[in-house]
Amino acid sequence: MEFSADYEAEQKELKEKAAVLQGELSRTLEATANAEKFMKVVRKYTSFEELTPTLLREFVEKIVIHESKALDGKR
């Protein structure tokens, strides 16, 4: 009985660790895919004369604007 309880506790702990590691792996794979996508665009435009709207849209996915916050009493 004691060995069974220890085994079940160890299995539960291992499953929890596996879930955490799977989440980290998913985030890493997503970051890698995003970096590869960005590098593909960079390689496509290694040299350009003018910043066109099309070129800008390929490099900038979105712009997020937040309310300004005071830093050291200054805005």
N, C-alpha and C. Protein backbone atom coordinates (compact mmCIF):
# COMPACT_ATOMS: atom_id res chain seq x y z
N MET A 1 0.82 -1.19 0.00
CA MET A 1 0.00 0.00 0.00
C MET A 1 0.87 1.25 0.00
N GLU A 2 1.92 1.22 0.83
CA GLU A 2 2.79 2.39 0.94
C GLU A 2 3.51 2.65 -0.39
N PHE A 3 3.99 1.57 -1.02
CA PHE A 3 4.67 1.71 -2.31
C PHE A 3 3.71 2.23 -3.37
N SER A 4 2.47 1.77 -3.32
CA SER A 4 1.47 2.20 -4.28
C SER A 4 1.18 3.69 -4.12
N ALA A 5 1.07 4.15 -2.89
CA ALA A 5 0.80 5.57 -2.64
C ALA A 5 1.98 6.42 -3.10
N ASP A 6 3.20 5.97 -2.82
CA ASP A 6 4.39 6.69 -3.28
C ASP A 6 4.45 6.74 -4.80
N TYR A 7 4.13 5.61 -5.42
CA TYR A 7 4.15 5.53 -6.89
C TYR A 7 3.13 6.50 -7.48
N GLU A 8 1.92 6.52 -6.92
CA GLU A 8 0.87 7.40 -7.43
C GLU A 8 1.25 8.87 -7.23
N ALA A 9 1.86 9.20 -6.11
CA ALA A 9 2.29 10.57 -5.86
C ALA A 9 3.38 10.97 -6.85
N GLU A 10 4.30 10.06 -7.11
CA GLU A 10 5.38 10.34 -8.07
C GLU A 10 4.81 10.51 -9.47
N GLN A 11 3.85 9.67 -9.84
CA GLN A 11 3.22 9.78 -11.16
C GLN A 11 2.51 11.13 -11.32
N LYS A 12 1.82 11.55 -10.27
CA LYS A 12 1.12 12.83 -10.31
C LYS A 12 2.12 13.97 -10.49
N GLU A 13 3.21 13.93 -9.74
CA GLU A 13 4.24 14.96 -9.83
C GLU A 13 4.86 14.99 -11.23
N LEU A 14 5.14 13.81 -11.78
CA LEU A 14 5.72 13.74 -13.12
C LEU A 14 4.77 14.27 -14.19
N LYS A 15 3.48 13.98 -14.04
CA LYS A 15 2.50 14.48 -15.00
C LYS A 15 2.41 16.01 -14.94
N GLU A 16 2.48 16.57 -13.74
CA GLU A 16 2.46 18.02 -13.59
C GLU A 16 3.70 18.66 -14.22
N LYS A 17 4.86 18.05 -13.98
CA LYS A 17 6.10 18.56 -14.59
C LYS A 17 6.03 18.47 -16.10
N ALA A 18 5.47 17.36 -16.60
CA ALA A 18 5.35 17.18 -18.05
C ALA A 18 4.44 18.26 -18.65
N ALA A 19 3.37 18.60 -17.96
CA ALA A 19 2.46 19.64 -18.46
C ALA A 19 3.16 21.00 -18.50
N VAL A 20 3.95 21.30 -17.46
CA VAL A 20 4.69 22.56 -17.42
C VAL A 20 5.70 22.61 -18.56
N LEU A 21 6.42 21.52 -18.74
CA LEU A 21 7.43 21.47 -19.81
C LEU A 21 6.78 21.55 -21.19
N GLN A 22 5.60 20.95 -21.35
CA GLN A 22 4.89 21.02 -22.63
C GLN A 22 4.50 22.46 -22.93
N GLY A 23 4.06 23.19 -21.90
CA GLY A 23 3.72 24.60 -22.09
C GLY A 23 4.93 25.43 -22.49
N GLU A 24 6.06 25.18 -21.84
CA GLU A 24 7.29 25.90 -22.18
C GLU A 24 7.72 25.57 -23.61
N LEU A 25 7.59 24.31 -23.99
CA LEU A 25 7.95 23.90 -25.34
C LEU A 25 7.07 24.60 -26.37
N SER A 26 5.78 24.68 -26.09
CA SER A 26 4.86 25.36 -27.01
C SER A 26 5.22 26.82 -27.19
N ARG A 27 5.53 27.51 -26.07
CA ARG A 27 5.92 28.92 -26.15
C ARG A 27 7.23 29.08 -26.92
N THR A 28 8.16 28.18 -26.72
CA THR A 28 9.44 28.25 -27.42
C THR A 28 9.25 28.02 -28.92
N LEU A 29 8.42 27.04 -29.27
CA LEU A 29 8.17 26.77 -30.69
C LEU A 29 7.48 27.96 -31.36
N GLU A 30 6.55 28.60 -30.64
CA GLU A 30 5.87 29.77 -31.19
C GLU A 30 6.85 30.92 -31.39
N ALA A 31 7.72 31.13 -30.42
CA ALA A 31 8.72 32.20 -30.54
C ALA A 31 9.67 31.92 -31.70
N THR A 32 10.04 30.66 -31.87
CA THR A 32 10.92 30.28 -32.98
C THR A 32 10.23 30.53 -34.32
N ALA A 33 8.97 30.17 -34.42
CA ALA A 33 8.22 30.39 -35.65
C ALA A 33 8.12 31.88 -35.96
N ASN A 34 7.87 32.70 -34.93
CA ASN A 34 7.78 34.15 -35.14
C ASN A 34 9.13 34.71 -35.59
N ALA A 35 10.22 34.23 -35.00
CA ALA A 35 11.55 34.71 -35.39
C ALA A 35 11.86 34.31 -36.83
N GLU A 36 11.50 33.08 -37.20
CA GLU A 36 11.74 32.63 -38.58
C GLU A 36 10.93 33.45 -39.58
N LYS A 37 9.69 33.77 -39.21
CA LYS A 37 8.84 34.59 -40.08
C LYS A 37 9.46 35.97 -40.27
N PHE A 38 9.93 36.56 -39.18
CA PHE A 38 10.56 37.88 -39.25
C PHE A 38 11.83 37.83 -40.10
N MET A 39 12.65 36.80 -39.91
CA MET A 39 13.90 36.70 -40.67
C MET A 39 13.62 36.51 -42.16
N LYS A 40 12.54 35.82 -42.49
CA LYS A 40 12.18 35.66 -43.90
C LYS A 40 11.89 37.01 -44.54
N VAL A 41 11.18 37.87 -43.82
CA VAL A 41 10.88 39.21 -44.32
C VAL A 41 12.16 40.03 -44.42
N VAL A 42 13.02 39.93 -43.41
CA VAL A 42 14.28 40.68 -43.42
C VAL A 42 15.13 40.28 -44.60
N ARG A 43 15.23 38.99 -44.85
CA ARG A 43 16.05 38.53 -45.99
C ARG A 43 15.47 39.01 -47.33
N LYS A 44 14.16 39.11 -47.38
CA LYS A 44 13.50 39.56 -48.61
C LYS A 44 13.85 41.01 -48.93
N TYR A 45 14.04 41.81 -47.87
CA TYR A 45 14.29 43.23 -48.06
C TYR A 45 15.64 43.64 -47.44
N THR A 46 16.70 43.04 -47.89
CA THR A 46 18.00 43.38 -47.32
C THR A 46 18.47 44.76 -47.75
N SER A 47 18.00 45.22 -48.88
CA SER A 47 18.40 46.53 -49.36
C SER A 47 17.21 47.19 -50.04
N PHE A 48 16.82 48.36 -49.56
CA PHE A 48 15.72 49.08 -50.19
C PHE A 48 16.04 50.57 -50.17
N GLU A 49 15.51 51.26 -51.14
CA GLU A 49 15.77 52.67 -51.31
C GLU A 49 14.74 53.53 -50.57
N GLU A 50 13.51 53.03 -50.48
CA GLU A 50 12.43 53.83 -49.95
C GLU A 50 11.51 52.96 -49.08
N LEU A 51 11.03 53.52 -47.99
CA LEU A 51 10.11 52.79 -47.12
C LEU A 51 8.70 52.96 -47.68
N THR A 52 8.19 51.92 -48.27
CA THR A 52 6.85 51.96 -48.87
C THR A 52 5.81 51.44 -47.89
N PRO A 53 4.55 51.75 -48.11
CA PRO A 53 3.50 51.21 -47.23
C PRO A 53 3.50 49.68 -47.18
N THR A 54 3.75 49.04 -48.31
CA THR A 54 3.79 47.58 -48.35
C THR A 54 4.92 47.04 -47.48
N LEU A 55 6.08 47.63 -47.61
CA LEU A 55 7.24 47.22 -46.82
C LEU A 55 6.97 47.44 -45.33
N LEU A 56 6.39 48.56 -44.99
CA LEU A 56 6.09 48.88 -43.60
C LEU A 56 5.09 47.87 -43.01
N ARG A 57 4.07 47.51 -43.77
CA ARG A 57 3.08 46.54 -43.29
C ARG A 57 3.69 45.16 -43.05
N GLU A 58 4.69 44.80 -43.83
CA GLU A 58 5.33 43.50 -43.63
C GLU A 58 6.16 43.48 -42.35
N PHE A 59 6.73 44.60 -41.96
CA PHE A 59 7.56 44.64 -40.76
C PHE A 59 6.78 44.95 -39.49
N VAL A 60 5.69 45.69 -39.59
CA VAL A 60 4.94 46.10 -38.40
C VAL A 60 3.60 45.38 -38.39
N GLU A 61 3.44 44.48 -37.42
CA GLU A 61 2.19 43.74 -37.31
C GLU A 61 1.09 44.59 -36.69
N LYS A 62 1.44 45.29 -35.60
CA LYS A 62 0.47 46.17 -34.95
C LYS A 62 1.21 47.17 -34.08
N ILE A 63 0.51 48.25 -33.78
CA ILE A 63 1.04 49.27 -32.90
C ILE A 63 0.06 49.40 -31.73
N VAL A 64 0.56 49.22 -30.52
CA VAL A 64 -0.28 49.29 -29.33
C VAL A 64 0.06 50.58 -28.59
N ILE A 65 -0.97 51.36 -28.29
CA ILE A 65 -0.78 52.64 -27.61
C ILE A 65 -1.51 52.58 -26.27
N HIS A 66 -0.79 52.94 -25.22
CA HIS A 66 -1.36 52.96 -23.88
C HIS A 66 -1.36 54.39 -23.35
N GLU A 67 -2.14 54.60 -22.30
CA GLU A 67 -2.14 55.89 -21.64
C GLU A 67 -0.77 56.12 -21.03
N SER A 68 -0.29 57.35 -21.12
CA SER A 68 1.03 57.65 -20.55
C SER A 68 0.98 57.59 -19.04
N LYS A 69 2.09 57.21 -18.44
CA LYS A 69 2.18 57.12 -16.99
C LYS A 69 3.28 58.06 -16.52
N ALA A 70 3.08 58.59 -15.32
CA ALA A 70 4.08 59.48 -14.75
C ALA A 70 5.28 58.67 -14.29
N LEU A 71 6.46 59.15 -14.63
CA LEU A 71 7.71 58.53 -14.23
C LEU A 71 8.55 59.58 -13.54
N ASP A 72 8.83 59.42 -12.29
CA ASP A 72 9.56 60.41 -11.48
C ASP A 72 8.84 61.76 -11.48
N GLY A 73 7.50 61.70 -11.46
CA GLY A 73 6.73 62.93 -11.40
C GLY A 73 6.59 63.64 -12.74
N LYS A 74 7.08 63.07 -13.81
CA LYS A 74 7.00 63.69 -15.14
C LYS A 74 6.21 62.79 -16.06
N ARG A 75 5.52 63.41 -16.98
CA ARG A 75 4.77 62.66 -18.00
C ARG A 75 5.47 62.69 -19.30
